[in-house]
């Protein structure tokens, strides 16, 4: 092979290698890029921020569930979208940090309850999503059919109803202010929603 042909071959191989690297980088950038409308929030940033809150919730539960009084029925309450499930970045998949909390609660005899503004007619599909994601489900409260109540009131009603069933709501984990308005829980743990970007 002549020197000129060798040089041409090397140049072509270099271009192919560069193109492959650029394509791989582009694919990785798309995978790690924020979803539409989420500005500069990447999935990695969100998961890191979630983990910080989850660490606090885990510490609280370890202390609280070690001091359950006789006859008490401890429970945790979880929001679903962008709390229990990664609806914005990875629909249908669990948020692993929150799943670990739910599993810890179950292992330490605390009920895992859900309160969501999803419509009642999605009950079976929502239950299936949660179970497929690995969550224990001891209660699932959704917006009643035909209800015109806002998110805060619906979720407050859910918590009140859980209390009427005899549960002590030791921790309430969600990502919007409406998950916490009205009280009826011992301690709140708010995940980031970046000013409503992850609603």
Protein backbone atom coordinates (compact mmCIF):
# COMPACT_ATOMS: atom_id res chain seq x y z
CA UNK A 1 0.00 0.00 0.00
CA UNK A 2 1.40 3.39 -0.98
CA UNK A 3 2.11 6.06 1.62
CA UNK A 4 -0.67 8.19 0.13
CA UNK A 5 -3.25 5.35 0.43
CA UNK A 6 -2.11 4.66 4.00
CA UNK A 7 -2.58 8.30 4.92
CA UNK A 8 -6.03 8.33 3.33
CA UNK A 9 -7.03 5.14 5.20
CA UNK A 10 -5.82 6.52 8.53
CA UNK A 11 -7.72 9.74 7.93
CA UNK A 12 -10.92 7.84 7.12
CA UNK A 13 -10.56 5.68 10.25
CA UNK A 14 -10.02 8.80 12.31
CA UNK A 15 -13.19 10.38 10.95
CA UNK A 16 -15.20 7.21 11.66
CA UNK A 17 -13.87 7.04 15.22
CA UNK A 18 -14.66 10.70 15.82
CA UNK A 19 -18.16 10.24 14.42
CA UNK A 20 -18.75 7.21 16.69
CA UNK A 21 -17.59 9.13 19.76
CA UNK A 22 -19.77 12.11 18.88
CA UNK A 23 -22.83 9.87 18.38
CA UNK A 24 -22.23 8.15 21.72
CA UNK A 25 -21.85 11.50 23.46
CA UNK A 26 -25.00 12.81 21.81
CA UNK A 27 -26.98 9.74 22.90
CA UNK A 28 -25.73 10.08 26.45
CA UNK A 29 -26.60 13.78 26.45
CA UNK A 30 -30.16 13.00 25.37
CA UNK A 31 -30.50 10.33 28.05
CA UNK A 32 -29.20 12.65 30.76
CA UNK A 33 -30.91 15.79 29.54
CA UNK A 34 -33.83 17.25 31.47
CA UNK A 35 -37.28 16.40 30.23
CA UNK A 36 -39.16 19.02 28.27
CA UNK A 37 -39.97 22.02 30.41
CA UNK A 38 -37.65 21.07 33.25
CA UNK A 39 -35.07 23.72 32.36
CA UNK A 40 -31.71 22.71 33.80
CA UNK A 41 -32.90 19.92 36.08
CA UNK A 42 -31.44 16.57 35.05
CA UNK A 43 -32.56 13.21 36.32
CA UNK A 44 -29.26 12.84 38.16
CA UNK A 45 -29.76 16.17 39.94
CA UNK A 46 -33.29 15.23 40.90
CA UNK A 47 -32.32 11.80 42.22
CA UNK A 48 -29.47 13.33 44.21
CA UNK A 49 -31.81 15.89 45.76
CA UNK A 50 -34.40 13.20 46.48
CA UNK A 51 -31.78 11.07 48.21
CA UNK A 52 -30.97 13.89 50.64
CA UNK A 53 -34.58 14.08 51.76
CA UNK A 54 -34.90 10.30 51.81
CA UNK A 55 -31.92 10.08 54.16
CA UNK A 56 -33.73 12.36 56.61
CA UNK A 57 -36.93 10.34 56.32
CA UNK A 58 -35.04 7.10 56.86
CA UNK A 59 -33.38 8.43 60.00
CA UNK A 60 -36.73 9.59 61.36
CA UNK A 61 -38.41 6.25 60.67
CA UNK A 62 -35.62 4.28 62.30
CA UNK A 63 -36.11 6.31 65.46
CA UNK A 64 -39.89 6.46 65.32
CA UNK A 65 -40.56 2.81 64.50
CA UNK A 66 -38.26 1.73 67.30
CA UNK A 67 -40.64 3.46 69.72
CA UNK A 68 -44.07 2.25 68.69
CA UNK A 69 -46.47 2.01 71.61
CA UNK A 70 -48.56 -1.12 72.20
CA UNK A 71 -51.65 -1.15 70.02
CA UNK A 72 -50.38 1.61 67.76
CA UNK A 73 -50.69 1.12 63.99
CA UNK A 74 -47.83 3.13 62.46
CA UNK A 75 -47.90 4.02 58.78
CA UNK A 76 -46.23 6.17 56.19
CA UNK A 77 -48.11 8.11 53.51
CA UNK A 78 -46.63 8.52 50.05
CA UNK A 79 -47.61 10.68 47.11
CA UNK A 80 -47.31 8.79 43.82
CA UNK A 81 -46.22 10.89 40.85
CA UNK A 82 -42.61 12.06 41.14
CA UNK A 83 -42.50 10.71 44.68
CA UNK A 84 -43.06 6.95 44.66
CA UNK A 85 -42.89 6.70 40.85
CA UNK A 86 -40.47 8.58 38.60
CA UNK A 87 -43.31 9.81 36.40
CA UNK A 88 -41.46 12.77 34.88
CA UNK A 89 -38.15 11.16 33.98
CA UNK A 90 -38.87 7.42 33.90
CA UNK A 91 -42.63 6.72 33.88
CA UNK A 92 -43.74 3.64 35.77
CA UNK A 93 -40.39 3.08 37.42
CA UNK A 94 -39.90 3.41 41.18
CA UNK A 95 -37.90 6.16 42.79
CA UNK A 96 -35.41 3.84 44.40
CA UNK A 97 -34.71 5.99 47.47
CA UNK A 98 -38.43 6.10 48.28
CA UNK A 99 -38.94 2.43 47.48
CA UNK A 100 -36.26 1.58 50.05
CA UNK A 101 -38.14 3.63 52.65
CA UNK A 102 -41.38 1.81 51.86
CA UNK A 103 -39.67 -1.55 52.13
CA UNK A 104 -38.07 -0.53 55.43
CA UNK A 105 -41.47 0.51 56.75
CA UNK A 106 -43.00 -2.80 55.74
CA UNK A 107 -40.16 -4.76 57.33
CA UNK A 108 -40.71 -2.85 60.58
CA UNK A 109 -44.47 -3.42 60.69
CA UNK A 110 -45.58 -0.02 59.43
CA UNK A 111 -48.27 0.23 56.78
CA UNK A 112 -47.46 1.82 53.42
CA UNK A 113 -50.33 4.06 52.35
CA UNK A 114 -50.73 6.20 49.24
CA UNK A 115 -52.59 9.47 48.68
CA UNK A 116 -52.88 10.78 45.14
CA UNK A 117 -54.91 13.17 43.03
CA UNK A 118 -55.21 10.54 40.33
CA UNK A 119 -58.84 9.79 39.49
CA UNK A 120 -60.65 6.92 41.16
CA UNK A 121 -61.25 5.18 37.83
CA UNK A 122 -57.47 4.67 37.58
CA UNK A 123 -57.45 2.68 40.82
CA UNK A 124 -56.62 -0.72 39.34
CA UNK A 125 -54.02 0.55 36.87
CA UNK A 126 -52.40 2.67 39.60
CA UNK A 127 -52.36 -0.27 42.01
CA UNK A 128 -50.75 -2.38 39.31
CA UNK A 129 -48.09 0.25 38.64
CA UNK A 130 -47.17 0.49 42.31
CA UNK A 131 -47.03 -3.26 42.79
CA UNK A 132 -45.04 -3.79 39.60
CA UNK A 133 -42.58 -1.17 40.84
CA UNK A 134 -42.09 -3.23 44.01
CA UNK A 135 -44.15 -1.23 46.50
CA UNK A 136 -46.13 -2.84 49.29
CA UNK A 137 -49.60 -1.26 49.18
CA UNK A 138 -51.69 -1.29 52.35
CA UNK A 139 -53.91 1.56 51.25
CA UNK A 140 -54.53 3.54 48.07
CA UNK A 141 -56.62 6.70 48.26
CA UNK A 142 -57.46 8.57 45.04
CA UNK A 143 -59.67 11.49 44.05
CA UNK A 144 -63.32 10.42 44.24
CA UNK A 145 -65.25 10.28 40.99
CA UNK A 146 -66.89 13.61 40.26
CA UNK A 147 -65.00 15.42 43.01
CA UNK A 148 -64.31 19.09 42.41
CA UNK A 149 -62.06 19.40 45.45
CA UNK A 150 -58.51 20.60 44.93
CA UNK A 151 -55.39 18.51 45.47
CA UNK A 152 -54.77 19.69 49.01
CA UNK A 153 -58.30 18.86 50.19
CA UNK A 154 -58.38 15.46 48.50
CA UNK A 155 -55.09 14.43 50.07
CA UNK A 156 -56.10 15.82 53.46
CA UNK A 157 -59.30 13.77 53.27
CA UNK A 158 -57.20 10.70 52.46
CA UNK A 159 -55.06 11.23 55.55
CA UNK A 160 -58.07 11.85 57.77
CA UNK A 161 -59.70 8.65 56.49
CA UNK A 162 -56.52 6.69 57.16
CA UNK A 163 -56.52 8.02 60.71
CA UNK A 164 -60.14 6.95 61.10
CA UNK A 165 -59.00 3.46 60.14
CA UNK A 166 -56.71 3.56 63.14
CA UNK A 167 -53.37 4.41 61.54
CA UNK A 168 -50.81 6.76 63.06
CA UNK A 169 -49.28 8.60 60.11
CA UNK A 170 -45.66 8.82 61.21
CA UNK A 171 -44.27 10.27 57.97
CA UNK A 172 -45.80 12.01 54.97
CA UNK A 173 -43.64 12.11 51.84
CA UNK A 174 -44.56 14.14 48.75
CA UNK A 175 -43.20 16.70 46.34
CA UNK A 176 -45.80 19.47 46.37
CA UNK A 177 -47.09 21.81 49.05
CA UNK A 178 -50.57 20.37 48.52
CA UNK A 179 -49.30 17.05 49.87
CA UNK A 180 -48.91 18.59 53.31
CA UNK A 181 -51.59 21.24 53.79
CA UNK A 182 -53.96 20.60 56.69
CA UNK A 183 -51.64 18.39 58.73
CA UNK A 184 -52.76 14.98 60.05
CA UNK A 185 -49.30 13.41 60.08
CA UNK A 186 -46.35 13.53 62.45
CA UNK A 187 -43.54 14.63 60.17
CA UNK A 188 -43.36 15.92 56.60
CA UNK A 189 -40.63 15.22 54.07
CA UNK A 190 -40.89 17.31 50.91
CA UNK A 191 -39.10 16.17 47.79
CA UNK A 192 -38.04 18.77 45.21
CA UNK A 193 -40.45 19.85 42.50
CA UNK A 194 -38.38 22.80 41.29
CA UNK A 195 -41.18 25.33 41.45
CA UNK A 196 -43.73 23.05 39.86
CA UNK A 197 -41.56 21.63 37.08
CA UNK A 198 -42.16 18.10 38.42
CA UNK A 199 -45.87 18.30 39.17
